Amino acid sequence: MPSTHAVTNQVPDLVDTDLAADPPLLEAVAREGAGWSLDALHDTGRRAGSAQVREWADAAHRNEPRLRAFDRVGHRVDEVDYDPGYHALLGEAVSRGFAGAVWAGADGLGSPPRPGQHVARAAGFLVWSQAEAGHGCPVSMSHAVVPALRASPELLAQYGPGLVSTVYQPGLADPASKPGLLAGMGMTEKQGGSDVRTNTTSAVANADGSYTLTGHKWFTSAPMCDVFLVLAQTAQGVTCFLVPRILPDGSRNPFAIQRLKDKLGNRSNASSEPEFDGTIGFRVGDEGRGVRTIIEMVACTRLDNALGSAAGMRDAVRRATWHATHRRAFGSALIDKPLMRGVLADLTVESEAAVTLAVRLAGAQDRAPHDPHEAAFRRIGVTLGKYWICKRQTAVVGEALECLGGNGFVEESGMPRLFRESPLNSIWEGSGNVNALDLLRVLSRESAAVEAYRAEVEAASGADHRLDAAWKSILDELRDPAEERARWLAERMAVVLQGSLLVRHAPTAVADAFVGSRVAGEHGAAFGTLPRGVDVDGILARAPLG
């Protein structure tokens, strides 16, 4: 081989590794009551980090979903074809219980619930999402739809067993005959986006108790799911409906897919614009109470947004640390350069704070049914976590990509896909402004949630004077929260909450760096600007392992 083709100083592939070998995650899972699940979590981590799963993920993005609107002779079929890798990823996720399985016992559809099961599911979802994020959309929606169906026990009894199943069977078929079901959602429309009360899709009651829907949805992801929760207008206002792709009599429900979205990222997952024309739906909850009916679903998907963004951050930090460990420059490994170590430490602190908060929220999800304090904390904590963790993902991934230099800018590195994915969770289920406004509603209407937040933050009272001072500034702001300050308040409350958790649970190196930089403001506008004197070695010991 000519000497010009000799390959030296290139980083080996990061494959066949345990993505669950992550100290902050493992500690949080045990702390939140799911230590019993660690063996299964490591099994998920090894599978997610395998070369086989990486090949599936690459293929699912290389061969994007394609709309097949008609069959050979012109009948409408409105189906979407995916690469086999997508089905393989989705099948693994469902079989590991990351879709609706966690609700089985709680809803009388299986064995009794186990303490910590939502934490176990959340940790598994966080680890598995690092393999490939796109297929997580139907997984998350299928997880979230079950509690919404509690508003209509007959629909829960009919579709619940399939939704909590750990069997994935692709393709459209009579739901009663399928061993497992997936659920999607169709809320937004062209004219409204997050303002779902302006939806124009209409629903007219039929004599048999069903409704006929007419309208056009703007963003309906995973159109090959078996059932969808959609919003439509009745005479009483916005109402929630369950729309199956295949009706109980075996016929196809009108679900005319106009096109698939050409998206920035999340390209392995199809997002569509379906038209409803004579489409049959079954009411979920009361007429005119559609938004309230789906609020439990929104809480679940927003938590998954936070988990997904925490996953993206950990994946980015792992890739950056792996590269720095194996790449040499100016006489030594990059990981030994003080400037690079400072950047990696900063990224590690940010991502550990995200993981710690996300798993704490999963713990609240577990305890909420029998603990009013935890239910109240979940209400405000999920809003804050969704807002801030999702916002931080793009910044973290962008800086991690830069750690790889030009090698991070090419597709083979995986970083471009991770970067394109990074803004999604901040948009899905309400963008930053929507969540900031939701925080204001909580502050004005739900005093128990505010007190639950106070108790969580004050659990660290006296441990760090900088954290105490920041909490005092929030109390001053809470006396008269204004809309124009809602983003500042959401960010500050989220950061102080993360600081409280880290002061109580993380090593001193991480907690001190986080409070000094994020809470006390001893930090620049870019990563790699931690305060003087932080324990970089102690922080990097917390980085996810390659």
Protein backbone atom coordinates (compact mmCIF):
# COMPACT_ATOMS: atom_id res chain seq x y z
CA MET A 1 0.00 0.00 0.00
CA PRO A 2 1.39 3.45 -0.85
CA SER A 3 2.57 5.34 2.20
CA THR A 4 0.07 8.11 1.44
CA HIS A 5 -2.74 5.65 2.24
CA ALA A 6 -1.45 4.58 5.62
CA VAL A 7 -4.05 5.17 8.33
CA THR A 8 -2.77 6.39 11.69
CA ASN A 9 -4.14 8.32 14.65
CA GLN A 10 -7.77 7.59 13.78
CA VAL A 11 -10.29 6.70 16.47
CA PRO A 12 -11.67 3.13 16.61
CA ASP A 13 -15.40 2.59 16.23
CA LEU A 14 -17.40 2.96 19.42
CA VAL A 15 -19.31 -0.32 19.24
CA ASP A 16 -19.91 -3.40 21.37
CA THR A 17 -20.05 -1.37 24.54
CA ASP A 18 -22.53 -1.15 27.43
CA LEU A 19 -24.41 2.13 27.09
CA ALA A 20 -25.79 1.63 30.60
CA ALA A 21 -22.28 1.80 32.09
CA ASP A 22 -23.05 5.31 33.26
CA PRO A 23 -22.46 6.11 36.96
CA PRO A 24 -25.03 8.96 37.38
CA LEU A 25 -27.75 6.89 35.70
CA LEU A 26 -27.08 3.74 37.70
CA GLU A 27 -26.99 5.67 40.97
CA ALA A 28 -30.23 7.52 40.15
CA VAL A 29 -32.04 4.30 39.24
CA ALA A 30 -31.08 2.69 42.56
CA ARG A 31 -31.90 5.87 44.50
CA GLU A 32 -35.36 6.13 42.92
CA GLY A 33 -36.35 2.60 43.84
CA ALA A 34 -35.52 0.47 40.80
CA GLY A 35 -32.25 -1.12 41.82
CA TRP A 36 -33.86 -4.47 41.08
CA SER A 37 -33.80 -3.57 37.35
CA LEU A 38 -30.06 -2.97 36.92
CA ASP A 39 -29.28 -6.36 35.39
CA ALA A 40 -31.94 -5.80 32.72
CA LEU A 41 -30.69 -2.25 32.21
CA HIS A 42 -27.17 -3.47 31.52
CA ASP A 43 -28.58 -6.05 29.11
CA THR A 44 -30.35 -3.20 27.28
CA GLY A 45 -27.15 -1.17 27.34
CA ARG A 46 -25.08 -3.94 25.80
CA ARG A 47 -27.68 -4.54 23.12
CA ALA A 48 -28.01 -0.82 22.36
CA GLY A 49 -24.23 -0.53 22.07
CA SER A 50 -23.81 -3.52 19.76
CA ALA A 51 -22.60 -3.39 16.18
CA GLN A 52 -25.84 -5.08 15.04
CA VAL A 53 -28.06 -2.36 16.49
CA ARG A 54 -25.84 0.34 15.06
CA GLU A 55 -26.26 -1.23 11.61
CA TRP A 56 -30.04 -1.22 12.07
CA ALA A 57 -29.98 2.45 13.03
CA ASP A 58 -27.78 3.44 10.10
CA ALA A 59 -29.98 1.54 7.66
CA ALA A 60 -33.18 3.07 9.06
CA HIS A 61 -31.82 6.54 8.32
CA ARG A 62 -30.18 5.66 5.02
CA ASN A 63 -33.43 4.13 3.68
CA GLU A 64 -36.05 6.62 4.83
CA PRO A 65 -39.77 5.81 5.08
CA ARG A 66 -41.72 5.92 1.82
CA LEU A 67 -45.42 6.59 1.35
CA ARG A 68 -47.37 4.01 -0.64
CA ALA A 69 -50.74 5.66 -1.15
CA PHE A 70 -52.22 3.20 -3.65
CA ASP A 71 -51.96 -0.47 -4.45
CA ARG A 72 -51.20 -1.88 -7.91
CA VAL A 73 -54.73 -1.39 -9.26
CA GLY A 74 -55.46 1.99 -7.68
CA HIS A 75 -57.10 1.21 -4.34
CA ARG A 76 -56.04 3.55 -1.57
CA VAL A 77 -53.94 1.75 1.01
CA ASP A 78 -52.17 4.71 2.70
CA GLU A 79 -49.28 2.68 4.02
CA VAL A 80 -45.71 3.63 4.83
CA ASP A 81 -42.81 1.30 4.09
CA TYR A 82 -39.83 1.30 6.47
CA ASP A 83 -36.39 -0.22 6.33
CA PRO A 84 -36.23 -3.57 8.17
CA GLY A 85 -33.81 -1.96 10.61
CA TYR A 86 -36.56 0.34 11.84
CA HIS A 87 -38.85 -2.63 12.54
CA ALA A 88 -36.02 -4.44 14.31
CA LEU A 89 -35.35 -1.45 16.57
CA LEU A 90 -39.03 -1.01 17.31
CA GLY A 91 -39.49 -4.69 18.03
CA GLU A 92 -36.65 -4.64 20.56
CA ALA A 93 -38.02 -1.54 22.28
CA VAL A 94 -41.50 -3.03 22.62
CA SER A 95 -40.21 -6.41 23.78
CA ARG A 96 -38.19 -4.71 26.51
CA GLY A 97 -41.31 -3.00 27.85
CA PHE A 98 -40.56 0.60 26.81
CA ALA A 99 -43.97 1.10 25.17
CA GLY A 100 -47.18 0.52 27.15
CA ALA A 101 -46.14 -2.48 29.23
CA VAL A 102 -45.48 -0.49 32.40
CA TRP A 103 -49.22 0.23 32.77
CA ALA A 104 -50.33 -3.39 32.72
CA GLY A 105 -50.71 -3.91 36.45
CA ALA A 106 -51.91 -0.41 37.26
CA ASP A 107 -54.82 -0.76 34.87
CA GLY A 108 -55.84 -4.29 35.69
CA LEU A 109 -54.40 -5.62 32.44
CA GLY A 110 -51.67 -7.82 33.91
CA SER A 111 -49.66 -8.50 37.03
CA PRO A 112 -49.69 -5.97 39.92
CA PRO A 113 -47.42 -2.93 39.55
CA ARG A 114 -43.92 -3.18 40.99
CA PRO A 115 -42.38 -0.29 42.95
CA GLY A 116 -39.93 1.57 40.76
CA GLN A 117 -41.28 0.22 37.49
CA HIS A 118 -41.61 3.66 35.89
CA VAL A 119 -38.01 4.41 36.85
CA ALA A 120 -36.90 1.10 35.34
CA ARG A 121 -38.81 1.86 32.16
CA ALA A 122 -37.47 5.43 32.01
CA ALA A 123 -33.86 4.31 32.42
CA GLY A 124 -34.28 1.65 29.76
CA PHE A 125 -35.86 4.16 27.39
CA LEU A 126 -33.00 6.60 28.07
CA VAL A 127 -30.36 3.97 27.31
CA TRP A 128 -32.13 2.47 24.31
CA SER A 129 -32.77 5.91 22.78
CA GLN A 130 -29.02 6.32 22.43
CA ALA A 131 -29.09 3.54 19.83
CA GLU A 132 -31.51 5.46 17.58
CA ALA A 133 -34.03 8.12 18.48
CA GLY A 134 -36.56 8.09 15.63
CA HIS A 135 -38.35 4.88 16.53
CA GLY A 136 -38.78 6.24 20.06
CA CYS A 137 -41.71 8.34 18.83
CA PRO A 138 -44.27 5.50 18.55
CA VAL A 139 -42.75 3.88 21.63
CA SER A 140 -43.35 7.03 23.67
CA MET A 141 -46.85 7.65 22.31
CA SER A 142 -47.89 4.07 22.95
CA HIS A 143 -46.63 4.45 26.51
CA ALA A 144 -48.57 7.68 26.99
CA VAL A 145 -51.93 6.73 25.48
CA VAL A 146 -52.92 4.16 28.11
CA PRO A 147 -53.57 6.59 30.99
CA ALA A 148 -55.58 8.82 28.64
CA LEU A 149 -57.86 5.88 27.82
CA ARG A 150 -58.83 5.62 31.47
CA ALA A 151 -61.39 8.31 30.65
CA SER A 152 -63.26 5.64 28.60
CA PRO A 153 -63.05 2.28 30.41
CA GLU A 154 -64.72 0.41 27.55
CA LEU A 155 -62.03 1.54 25.11
CA LEU A 156 -59.32 0.71 27.62
CA ALA A 157 -60.77 -2.77 27.99
CA GLN A 158 -60.92 -3.20 24.21
CA TYR A 159 -57.51 -1.82 23.22
CA GLY A 160 -55.57 -1.88 26.50
CA PRO A 161 -54.38 -5.51 26.34
CA GLY A 162 -52.76 -4.87 22.96
CA LEU A 163 -51.22 -1.58 24.04
CA VAL A 164 -49.54 -3.06 27.13
CA SER A 165 -48.25 -6.06 25.20
CA THR A 166 -44.53 -6.66 24.67
CA VAL A 167 -45.14 -8.07 21.19
CA TYR A 168 -44.56 -5.98 18.07
CA GLN A 169 -46.29 -7.01 14.87
CA PRO A 170 -45.84 -4.58 11.98
CA GLY A 171 -48.57 -4.04 9.40
CA LEU A 172 -52.23 -3.08 9.54
CA ALA A 173 -54.69 -5.68 10.80
CA ASP A 174 -57.80 -5.94 12.93
CA PRO A 175 -56.64 -4.80 16.41
CA ALA A 176 -58.58 -7.64 17.99
CA SER A 177 -56.42 -10.14 16.11
CA LYS A 178 -53.01 -8.54 16.72
CA PRO A 179 -50.87 -9.66 19.65
CA GLY A 180 -49.65 -6.12 20.23
CA LEU A 181 -50.68 -2.58 19.31
CA LEU A 182 -48.97 0.78 18.91
CA ALA A 183 -50.58 4.20 19.28
CA GLY A 184 -49.97 7.57 17.66
CA MET A 185 -51.51 10.97 18.08
CA GLY A 186 -52.89 13.68 15.80
CA MET A 187 -53.45 16.93 17.65
CA THR A 188 -52.09 19.83 15.62
CA GLU A 189 -53.53 21.39 12.48
CA LYS A 190 -52.32 23.90 9.91
CA GLN A 191 -53.91 26.96 11.44
CA GLY A 192 -53.13 26.29 15.07
CA GLY A 193 -50.06 24.28 16.00
CA SER A 194 -50.03 24.24 19.80
CA ASP A 195 -53.26 26.25 19.88
CA VAL A 196 -55.39 23.12 19.56
CA ARG A 197 -58.57 24.93 20.53
CA THR A 198 -58.56 26.48 17.05
CA ASN A 199 -58.72 23.04 15.40
CA THR A 200 -61.24 22.81 12.58
CA THR A 201 -61.55 19.03 12.29
CA SER A 202 -65.18 18.25 13.10
CA ALA A 203 -66.83 15.23 14.68
CA VAL A 204 -70.52 14.32 14.28
CA ALA A 205 -72.17 11.71 16.47
CA ASN A 206 -73.58 8.55 14.88
CA ALA A 207 -76.48 6.47 16.13
CA ASP A 208 -74.20 3.62 17.23
CA GLY A 209 -72.18 5.87 19.57
CA SER A 210 -69.26 6.38 17.19
CA TYR A 211 -68.45 9.71 15.51
CA THR A 212 -67.63 10.66 11.94
CA LEU A 213 -64.58 12.94 11.63
CA THR A 214 -63.80 15.36 8.82
CA GLY A 215 -60.59 17.37 8.67
CA HIS A 216 -56.86 17.52 7.92
CA LYS A 217 -54.16 16.98 10.53
CA TRP A 218 -50.82 18.74 10.11
CA PHE A 219 -48.36 16.60 12.10
CA THR A 220 -49.29 12.99 12.81
CA SER A 221 -46.25 10.88 13.52
CA ALA A 222 -45.85 7.15 13.04
CA PRO A 223 -48.85 6.78 10.68
CA MET A 224 -48.55 2.97 10.66
CA CYS A 225 -49.61 2.77 14.30
CA ASP A 226 -52.79 0.82 14.98
CA VAL A 227 -54.73 3.54 16.79
CA PHE A 228 -54.46 7.30 17.24
CA LEU A 229 -55.68 9.82 19.75
CA VAL A 230 -56.93 12.87 17.85
CA LEU A 231 -58.72 16.08 18.73
CA ALA A 232 -61.83 17.28 16.89
CA GLN A 233 -64.60 19.81 17.42
CA THR A 234 -68.08 18.79 18.51
CA ALA A 235 -70.93 21.10 19.44
CA GLN A 236 -69.49 21.12 22.98
CA GLY A 237 -65.97 22.05 21.89
CA VAL A 238 -62.65 20.26 21.49
CA THR A 239 -63.07 16.54 22.19
CA CYS A 240 -60.67 13.61 22.22
CA PHE A 241 -61.24 10.57 19.98
CA LEU A 242 -59.60 7.22 19.40
CA VAL A 243 -59.22 6.58 15.67
CA PRO A 244 -58.21 3.04 14.62
CA ARG A 245 -56.59 2.39 11.24
CA ILE A 246 -58.63 -0.83 10.97
CA LEU A 247 -62.23 -0.80 12.23
CA PRO A 248 -63.72 -3.57 14.38
CA ASP A 249 -65.45 -5.05 11.30
CA GLY A 250 -62.06 -5.45 9.58
CA SER A 251 -62.51 -2.62 7.08
CA ARG A 252 -60.00 0.19 6.60
CA ASN A 253 -60.86 3.45 8.30
CA PRO A 254 -60.44 6.42 5.90
CA PHE A 255 -56.98 7.78 6.72
CA ALA A 256 -55.74 9.40 3.52
CA ILE A 257 -52.07 10.29 3.96
CA GLN A 258 -51.45 13.39 1.84
CA ARG A 259 -47.69 13.42 2.27
CA LEU A 260 -44.83 12.60 4.62
CA LYS A 261 -42.99 15.52 6.21
CA ASP A 262 -39.50 16.33 4.95
CA LYS A 263 -37.98 16.91 8.38
CA LEU A 264 -34.70 18.30 9.68
CA GLY A 265 -34.05 15.18 11.73
CA ASN A 266 -35.91 12.18 13.13
CA ARG A 267 -35.90 10.94 9.56
CA SER A 268 -36.20 7.23 10.28
CA ASN A 269 -39.65 7.99 11.68
CA ALA A 270 -42.47 9.01 9.34
CA SER A 271 -44.54 12.07 10.19
CA SER A 272 -47.61 12.57 8.04
CA GLU A 273 -50.56 14.72 7.10
CA PRO A 274 -53.66 12.49 7.17
CA GLU A 275 -57.01 13.65 5.83
CA PHE A 276 -60.15 12.47 7.61
CA ASP A 277 -63.19 12.16 5.34
CA GLY A 278 -65.83 9.88 6.76
CA THR A 279 -63.31 8.64 9.32
CA ILE A 280 -64.74 6.82 12.32
CA GLY A 281 -63.64 7.77 15.81
CA PHE A 282 -64.67 6.74 19.30
CA ARG A 283 -64.98 9.40 21.97
CA VAL A 284 -62.49 9.35 24.83
CA GLY A 285 -63.82 11.24 27.83
CA ASP A 286 -66.54 13.88 27.77
CA GLU A 287 -67.41 16.14 24.86
CA GLY A 288 -65.70 19.50 25.09
CA ARG A 289 -63.08 18.15 27.52
CA GLY A 290 -60.55 16.93 24.99
CA VAL A 291 -57.63 18.96 26.27
CA ARG A 292 -58.19 17.82 29.84
CA THR A 293 -58.57 14.20 28.66
CA ILE A 294 -55.16 14.14 27.02
CA ILE A 295 -53.35 16.02 29.80
CA GLU A 296 -52.11 12.76 31.34
CA MET A 297 -50.80 11.70 27.94
CA VAL A 298 -49.01 15.02 27.60
CA ALA A 299 -47.37 14.59 31.01
CA CYS A 300 -46.00 11.21 29.95
CA THR A 301 -44.73 12.34 26.57
CA ARG A 302 -43.12 15.45 28.06
CA LEU A 303 -41.25 13.27 30.52
CA ASP A 304 -40.10 11.16 27.58
CA ASN A 305 -38.98 14.37 25.85
CA ALA A 306 -36.73 15.07 28.82
CA LEU A 307 -35.48 11.48 28.91
CA GLY A 308 -34.79 11.54 25.18
CA SER A 309 -32.83 14.77 25.41
CA ALA A 310 -30.85 13.48 28.39
CA ALA A 311 -30.09 10.41 26.25
CA GLY A 312 -28.89 12.56 23.37
CA MET A 313 -26.58 14.48 25.69
CA ARG A 314 -25.07 11.36 27.22
CA ASP A 315 -24.53 9.87 23.77
CA ALA A 316 -22.80 13.06 22.60
CA VAL A 317 -20.57 13.25 25.67
CA ARG A 318 -19.64 9.57 25.33
CA ARG A 319 -18.65 10.06 21.69
CA ALA A 320 -16.62 13.19 22.49
CA THR A 321 -14.82 11.52 25.40
CA TRP A 322 -14.11 8.41 23.33
CA HIS A 323 -12.64 10.53 20.55
CA ALA A 324 -10.50 12.56 22.93
CA THR A 325 -9.21 9.39 24.60
CA HIS A 326 -8.03 7.84 21.33
CA ARG A 327 -6.97 10.87 19.27
CA ARG A 328 -3.52 12.40 19.67
CA ALA A 329 -2.48 15.96 18.91
CA PHE A 330 0.65 17.95 19.68
CA GLY A 331 2.38 15.05 21.34
CA SER A 332 -0.28 13.52 23.57
CA ALA A 333 -3.88 12.30 23.70
CA LEU A 334 -6.54 15.02 23.49
CA ILE A 335 -8.00 13.81 26.78
CA ASP A 336 -4.76 14.93 28.47
CA LYS A 337 -4.96 18.51 27.19
CA PRO A 338 -6.17 20.89 29.94
CA LEU A 339 -8.33 22.88 27.54
CA MET A 340 -10.05 19.80 26.15
CA ARG A 341 -10.51 18.38 29.64
CA GLY A 342 -12.25 21.58 30.65
CA VAL A 343 -14.69 21.29 27.76
CA LEU A 344 -15.42 17.63 28.42
CA ALA A 345 -15.89 18.27 32.14
CA ASP A 346 -18.34 21.07 31.41
CA LEU A 347 -20.34 18.84 29.06
CA THR A 348 -20.30 16.04 31.62
CA VAL A 349 -21.68 18.32 34.34
CA GLU A 350 -24.52 19.48 32.11
CA SER A 351 -25.47 15.99 31.03
CA GLU A 352 -25.31 14.55 34.56
CA ALA A 353 -27.69 17.27 35.74
CA ALA A 354 -30.09 16.29 32.94
CA VAL A 355 -29.99 12.58 33.79
CA THR A 356 -30.42 13.22 37.52
CA LEU A 357 -33.49 15.41 37.05
CA ALA A 358 -35.08 13.15 34.42
CA VAL A 359 -34.81 10.03 36.59
CA ARG A 360 -36.08 11.95 39.64
CA LEU A 361 -39.17 12.86 37.61
CA ALA A 362 -39.65 9.20 36.71
CA GLY A 363 -39.54 8.44 40.41
CA ALA A 364 -42.32 10.97 40.95
CA GLN A 365 -44.31 9.22 38.22
CA ASP A 366 -44.00 5.97 40.19
CA ARG A 367 -45.08 7.47 43.49
CA ALA A 368 -47.74 9.92 42.22
CA PRO A 369 -50.74 7.52 42.40
CA HIS A 370 -50.38 7.10 46.17
CA ASP A 371 -48.44 10.22 47.20
CA PRO A 372 -50.09 13.64 46.66
CA HIS A 373 -46.79 15.44 47.25
CA GLU A 374 -45.08 13.46 44.49
CA ALA A 375 -48.06 13.97 42.18
CA ALA A 376 -47.81 17.73 42.74
CA PHE A 377 -44.05 17.68 42.24
CA ARG A 378 -44.42 15.75 39.01
CA ARG A 379 -46.82 18.40 37.69
CA ILE A 380 -44.33 21.26 38.02
CA GLY A 381 -41.16 19.20 37.67
CA VAL A 382 -42.07 17.72 34.28
CA THR A 383 -42.86 21.20 32.95
CA LEU A 384 -39.46 22.49 34.11
CA GLY A 385 -37.57 19.40 33.00
CA LYS A 386 -39.17 19.36 29.57
CA TYR A 387 -38.38 23.04 29.09
CA TRP A 388 -34.76 23.11 30.21
CA ILE A 389 -33.32 19.67 29.50
CA CYS A 390 -34.62 19.78 25.95
CA LYS A 391 -33.23 23.28 25.44
CA ARG A 392 -29.77 22.18 26.53
CA GLN A 393 -29.49 19.21 24.18
CA THR A 394 -28.66 21.21 21.05
CA ALA A 395 -25.93 23.19 22.82
CA VAL A 396 -24.36 20.06 24.29
CA VAL A 397 -24.43 18.09 21.05
CA GLY A 398 -23.01 21.03 19.08
CA GLU A 399 -20.06 21.40 21.44
CA ALA A 400 -19.47 17.64 21.54
CA LEU A 401 -19.44 17.56 17.75
CA GLU A 402 -16.76 20.25 17.75
CA CYS A 403 -14.62 18.06 20.02
CA LEU A 404 -14.35 15.65 17.08
CA GLY A 405 -13.34 18.42 14.70
CA GLY A 406 -13.82 17.68 11.01
CA ASN A 407 -14.34 13.99 11.76
CA GLY A 408 -17.48 14.95 13.66
CA PHE A 409 -18.87 16.84 10.67
CA VAL A 410 -19.13 13.78 8.43
CA GLU A 411 -22.07 11.39 8.50
CA GLU A 412 -20.02 8.31 9.37
CA SER A 413 -19.29 9.74 12.80
CA GLY A 414 -22.96 9.71 13.78
CA MET A 415 -22.68 13.26 15.13
CA PRO A 416 -24.57 15.00 12.29
CA ARG A 417 -27.57 12.74 12.85
CA LEU A 418 -27.40 13.38 16.57
CA PHE A 419 -27.20 17.12 15.95
CA ARG A 420 -30.18 17.13 13.55
CA GLU A 421 -32.16 15.22 16.14
CA SER A 422 -31.30 17.61 18.97
CA PRO A 423 -33.96 20.35 18.51
CA LEU A 424 -36.89 17.93 18.22
CA ASN A 425 -37.76 17.31 21.84
CA SER A 426 -37.83 21.02 22.57
CA ILE A 427 -40.53 21.42 19.88
CA TRP A 428 -42.55 18.23 20.36
CA GLU A 429 -45.39 18.50 22.92
CA GLY A 430 -45.12 22.27 23.10
CA SER A 431 -42.15 24.50 22.35
CA GLY A 432 -40.33 26.58 24.94
CA ASN A 433 -42.94 29.33 25.08
CA VAL A 434 -45.77 26.82 25.55
CA ASN A 435 -44.01 25.21 28.51
CA ALA A 436 -43.10 28.58 30.01
CA LEU A 437 -46.75 29.59 29.84
CA ASP A 438 -47.71 26.26 31.38
CA LEU A 439 -45.40 27.08 34.28
CA LEU A 440 -47.27 30.34 34.83
CA ARG A 441 -50.56 28.42 34.94
CA VAL A 442 -49.14 26.06 37.54
CA LEU A 443 -47.89 28.96 39.64
CA SER A 444 -51.25 30.73 39.57
CA ARG A 445 -53.58 27.74 39.98
CA GLU A 446 -51.78 24.86 41.68
CA SER A 447 -50.39 25.89 45.03
CA ALA A 448 -49.64 22.27 45.96
CA ALA A 449 -47.24 22.01 43.01
CA VAL A 450 -45.45 25.18 44.05
CA GLU A 451 -45.09 23.88 47.61
CA ALA A 452 -43.80 20.55 46.31
CA TYR A 453 -41.13 22.40 44.33
CA ARG A 454 -40.24 24.43 47.42
CA ALA A 455 -39.83 21.28 49.48
CA GLU A 456 -37.61 19.66 46.86
CA VAL A 457 -35.30 22.67 46.61
CA GLU A 458 -35.21 23.35 50.34
CA ALA A 459 -34.16 19.75 50.98
CA ALA A 460 -30.68 21.08 50.14
CA SER A 461 -31.03 24.21 52.26
CA GLY A 462 -27.79 25.20 53.97
CA ALA A 463 -25.62 22.90 51.88
CA ASP A 464 -24.39 25.66 49.54
CA HIS A 465 -24.87 29.37 50.17
CA ARG A 466 -24.91 30.08 46.43
CA LEU A 467 -27.86 27.74 45.96
CA ASP A 468 -29.66 29.33 48.92
CA ALA A 469 -29.17 32.80 47.39
CA ALA A 470 -30.53 31.67 44.05
CA TRP A 471 -33.62 30.19 45.71
CA LYS A 472 -34.21 33.51 47.46
CA SER A 473 -34.11 35.32 44.10
CA ILE A 474 -36.72 32.91 42.74
CA LEU A 475 -38.96 33.58 45.75
CA ASP A 476 -38.72 37.29 44.99
CA GLU A 477 -39.75 36.66 41.37
CA LEU A 478 -42.64 34.40 42.39
CA ARG A 479 -44.36 37.28 44.15
CA ASP A 480 -45.40 38.68 40.77
CA PRO A 481 -44.49 36.38 37.87
CA ALA A 482 -44.95 38.12 34.52
CA GLU A 483 -45.33 36.55 31.09
CA GLU A 484 -42.35 38.37 29.65
CA ARG A 485 -40.22 36.84 32.43
CA ALA A 486 -41.64 33.32 32.09
CA ARG A 487 -38.64 31.92 30.23
CA TRP A 488 -36.20 33.36 32.75
CA LEU A 489 -38.25 31.91 35.57
CA ALA A 490 -38.56 28.46 33.95
CA GLU A 491 -34.83 28.31 33.32
CA ARG A 492 -33.91 29.53 36.78
CA MET A 493 -36.29 27.19 38.56
CA ALA A 494 -35.03 24.24 36.52
CA VAL A 495 -31.37 25.06 37.19
CA VAL A 496 -31.93 25.54 40.91
CA LEU A 497 -33.86 22.25 41.03
CA GLN A 498 -30.97 20.50 39.31
CA GLY A 499 -28.56 22.15 41.72
CA SER A 500 -30.53 20.92 44.71
CA LEU A 501 -30.52 17.36 43.39
CA LEU A 502 -26.79 17.40 42.63
CA VAL A 503 -25.85 18.93 45.99
CA ARG A 504 -27.72 16.11 47.71
CA HIS A 505 -26.79 13.19 45.50
CA ALA A 506 -23.77 13.85 43.24
CA PRO A 507 -20.08 13.84 44.19
CA THR A 508 -18.76 17.16 45.44
CA ALA A 509 -16.77 17.69 42.23
CA VAL A 510 -19.92 17.68 40.10
CA ALA A 511 -22.18 19.57 42.50
CA ASP A 512 -19.63 22.31 43.16
CA ALA A 513 -18.94 22.81 39.45
CA PHE A 514 -22.65 22.92 38.61
CA VAL A 515 -23.60 25.34 41.36
CA GLY A 516 -20.61 27.57 40.72
CA SER A 517 -21.17 27.75 36.98
CA ARG A 518 -24.94 27.40 36.42
CA VAL A 519 -26.37 28.73 39.67
CA ALA A 520 -23.81 31.35 40.76
CA GLY A 521 -23.01 32.45 37.20
CA GLU A 522 -19.26 31.82 37.33
CA HIS A 523 -19.34 30.61 33.75
CA GLY A 524 -18.87 31.96 30.25
CA ALA A 525 -21.34 31.77 27.38
CA ALA A 526 -19.65 28.68 25.89
CA PHE A 527 -18.74 25.27 27.27
CA GLY A 528 -15.25 24.90 28.66
CA THR A 529 -15.53 27.91 30.96
CA LEU A 530 -16.01 26.31 34.37
CA PRO A 531 -14.87 28.26 37.46
CA ARG A 532 -11.23 28.15 38.49
CA GLY A 533 -10.33 25.32 40.82
CA VAL A 534 -13.06 22.79 39.95
CA ASP A 535 -12.14 19.11 40.25
CA VAL A 536 -11.92 18.21 36.56
CA ASP A 537 -10.59 14.72 37.27
CA GLY A 538 -13.48 14.00 39.61
CA ILE A 539 -15.99 15.24 37.05
CA LEU A 540 -14.56 13.23 34.15
CA ALA A 541 -14.78 10.10 36.26
CA ARG A 542 -18.56 10.58 35.87
CA ALA A 543 -18.53 10.69 32.06
CA PRO A 544 -20.39 7.84 30.33
CA LEU A 545 -17.99 5.02 29.56
CA GLY A 546 -17.00 3.98 26.06
